[in-house]
N, C-alpha and C. Protein backbone atom coordinates (compact mmCIF):
# COMPACT_ATOMS: atom_id res chain seq x y z
N MET A 1 14.48 -13.33 9.94
CA MET A 1 15.50 -12.38 9.28
C MET A 1 15.58 -12.63 7.71
N GLU A 2 15.49 -13.93 7.39
CA GLU A 2 15.53 -14.19 6.28
C GLU A 2 14.23 -13.63 5.25
N SER A 3 13.29 -13.79 5.89
CA SER A 3 12.02 -13.31 5.32
C SER A 3 12.07 -11.71 4.91
N VAL A 4 12.71 -11.05 5.80
CA VAL A 4 12.86 -9.54 5.78
C VAL A 4 13.94 -9.40 4.54
N GLU A 5 14.84 -10.05 4.46
CA GLU A 5 15.88 -9.89 3.26
C GLU A 5 15.11 -10.36 1.80
N CYS A 6 14.27 -11.33 1.80
CA CYS A 6 13.50 -11.69 0.72
C CYS A 6 12.60 -10.58 0.44
N ALA A 7 11.83 -10.08 1.30
CA ALA A 7 11.02 -8.93 1.01
C ALA A 7 11.48 -7.73 0.40
N VAL A 8 12.74 -7.31 0.90
CA VAL A 8 13.47 -6.19 0.38
C VAL A 8 13.99 -6.43 -0.99
N LEU A 9 14.36 -7.74 -1.24
CA LEU A 9 14.79 -8.19 -2.49
C LEU A 9 13.69 -8.28 -3.52
N SER A 10 12.54 -8.72 -3.15
CA SER A 10 11.31 -8.87 -4.08
C SER A 10 10.96 -7.37 -4.40
N LEU A 11 11.04 -6.51 -3.37
CA LEU A 11 10.54 -4.98 -3.62
C LEU A 11 11.69 -4.41 -4.57
N HIS A 12 12.80 -4.55 -4.30
CA HIS A 12 13.84 -4.06 -5.42
C HIS A 12 13.53 -4.56 -6.96
N TYR A 13 13.29 -5.84 -6.93
CA TYR A 13 13.05 -6.38 -8.20
C TYR A 13 11.64 -5.58 -8.84
N LEU A 14 10.78 -5.31 -7.81
CA LEU A 14 9.35 -4.75 -8.34
C LEU A 14 9.67 -3.55 -8.75
N GLN A 15 10.45 -2.81 -8.14
CA GLN A 15 10.78 -1.35 -8.49
C GLN A 15 11.49 -1.24 -9.76
N ARG A 16 12.57 -2.03 -10.09
CA ARG A 16 13.14 -2.17 -11.22
C ARG A 16 12.11 -2.51 -12.41
N PHE A 17 11.23 -3.40 -12.33
CA PHE A 17 10.41 -3.81 -13.21
C PHE A 17 9.48 -2.57 -13.58
N TYR A 18 8.99 -1.92 -12.41
CA TYR A 18 8.08 -0.74 -12.61
C TYR A 18 8.76 0.44 -13.40
N ILE A 19 10.14 0.58 -13.10
CA ILE A 19 10.75 1.66 -13.73
C ILE A 19 11.02 1.09 -15.26
N THR A 20 11.28 -0.14 -15.63
CA THR A 20 11.38 -0.59 -16.89
C THR A 20 10.15 -0.37 -17.68
N PHE A 21 9.05 -0.78 -17.03
CA PHE A 21 7.70 -0.64 -17.55
C PHE A 21 7.34 0.68 -18.01
N SER A 22 7.68 1.67 -17.07
CA SER A 22 7.47 3.17 -17.13
C SER A 22 8.11 3.58 -18.46
N CYS A 23 9.30 3.07 -18.61
CA CYS A 23 10.22 3.49 -19.77
C CYS A 23 9.61 2.96 -21.04
N VAL A 24 9.23 1.82 -21.17
CA VAL A 24 8.57 1.19 -22.26
C VAL A 24 7.40 1.86 -22.55
N GLU A 25 6.62 2.18 -21.63
CA GLU A 25 5.31 2.84 -21.89
C GLU A 25 5.56 4.27 -22.47
N LEU A 26 6.53 4.98 -21.97
CA LEU A 26 6.88 6.21 -22.46
C LEU A 26 7.31 6.11 -23.96
N MET A 27 8.24 5.05 -24.34
CA MET A 27 8.59 4.91 -25.56
C MET A 27 7.51 4.72 -26.51
N LEU A 28 6.37 3.89 -26.08
CA LEU A 28 5.32 3.57 -26.88
C LEU A 28 4.60 4.77 -27.14
N LYS A 29 4.32 5.75 -26.22
CA LYS A 29 3.71 6.86 -26.43
C LYS A 29 4.40 7.98 -27.37
N ILE A 30 5.51 7.88 -27.25
CA ILE A 30 6.47 8.72 -28.34
C ILE A 30 6.30 8.29 -29.65
N VAL A 31 6.42 6.82 -29.77
CA VAL A 31 6.30 6.27 -30.99
C VAL A 31 5.01 6.42 -31.77
N LYS A 32 3.90 6.32 -30.81
CA LYS A 32 2.36 6.67 -31.28
C LYS A 32 2.38 7.97 -31.81
N ARG A 33 2.86 8.91 -30.98
CA ARG A 33 2.66 10.33 -31.53
C ARG A 33 3.56 10.56 -32.63
N ALA A 34 4.69 10.11 -32.89
CA ALA A 34 5.48 10.18 -34.03
C ALA A 34 4.76 9.67 -35.19
N ASN A 35 4.20 8.46 -35.04
CA ASN A 35 3.47 7.91 -36.27
C ASN A 35 2.33 8.78 -36.47
N PHE A 36 1.48 9.15 -35.42
CA PHE A 36 0.41 9.97 -35.67
C PHE A 36 0.73 11.41 -36.50
N ASP A 37 1.89 11.87 -36.04
CA ASP A 37 2.39 13.23 -36.67
C ASP A 37 2.57 12.81 -38.23
N ALA A 38 3.31 11.78 -38.44
CA ALA A 38 3.57 11.52 -39.81
C ALA A 38 2.44 11.25 -40.66
N PHE A 39 1.29 10.36 -40.20
CA PHE A 39 0.22 9.94 -40.76
C PHE A 39 -0.51 11.57 -41.17
N ALA A 40 -0.70 12.46 -40.00
CA ALA A 40 -1.21 13.68 -40.25
C ALA A 40 -0.71 14.47 -41.28
N SER A 41 0.86 14.42 -41.27
CA SER A 41 1.43 15.38 -42.27
C SER A 41 1.24 14.90 -43.75
N VAL A 42 1.25 13.43 -43.83
CA VAL A 42 0.88 12.83 -45.27
C VAL A 42 -0.51 13.02 -45.57
N SER A 43 -1.41 12.89 -44.72
CA SER A 43 -2.68 13.28 -45.11
C SER A 43 -3.02 14.78 -45.45
N ALA A 44 -2.40 15.69 -44.76
CA ALA A 44 -2.32 17.01 -45.24
C ALA A 44 -1.79 17.36 -46.51
N GLY A 45 -0.72 16.54 -46.81
CA GLY A 45 0.03 16.72 -48.07
C GLY A 45 -0.70 16.33 -49.34
N HIS A 46 -1.56 15.32 -49.09
CA HIS A 46 -2.54 14.92 -50.31
C HIS A 46 -3.79 15.53 -50.44
């Protein structure tokens, strides 16, 4: 019984970690795109 509870708990933490990782990955993509756009506009300006 305890092993099932442990498995459910670890699955819950794994899910939370995955969601957090996905959010971080998405933020990094947005930041990279924003930096690239800024760099492109600066390059076009000069």
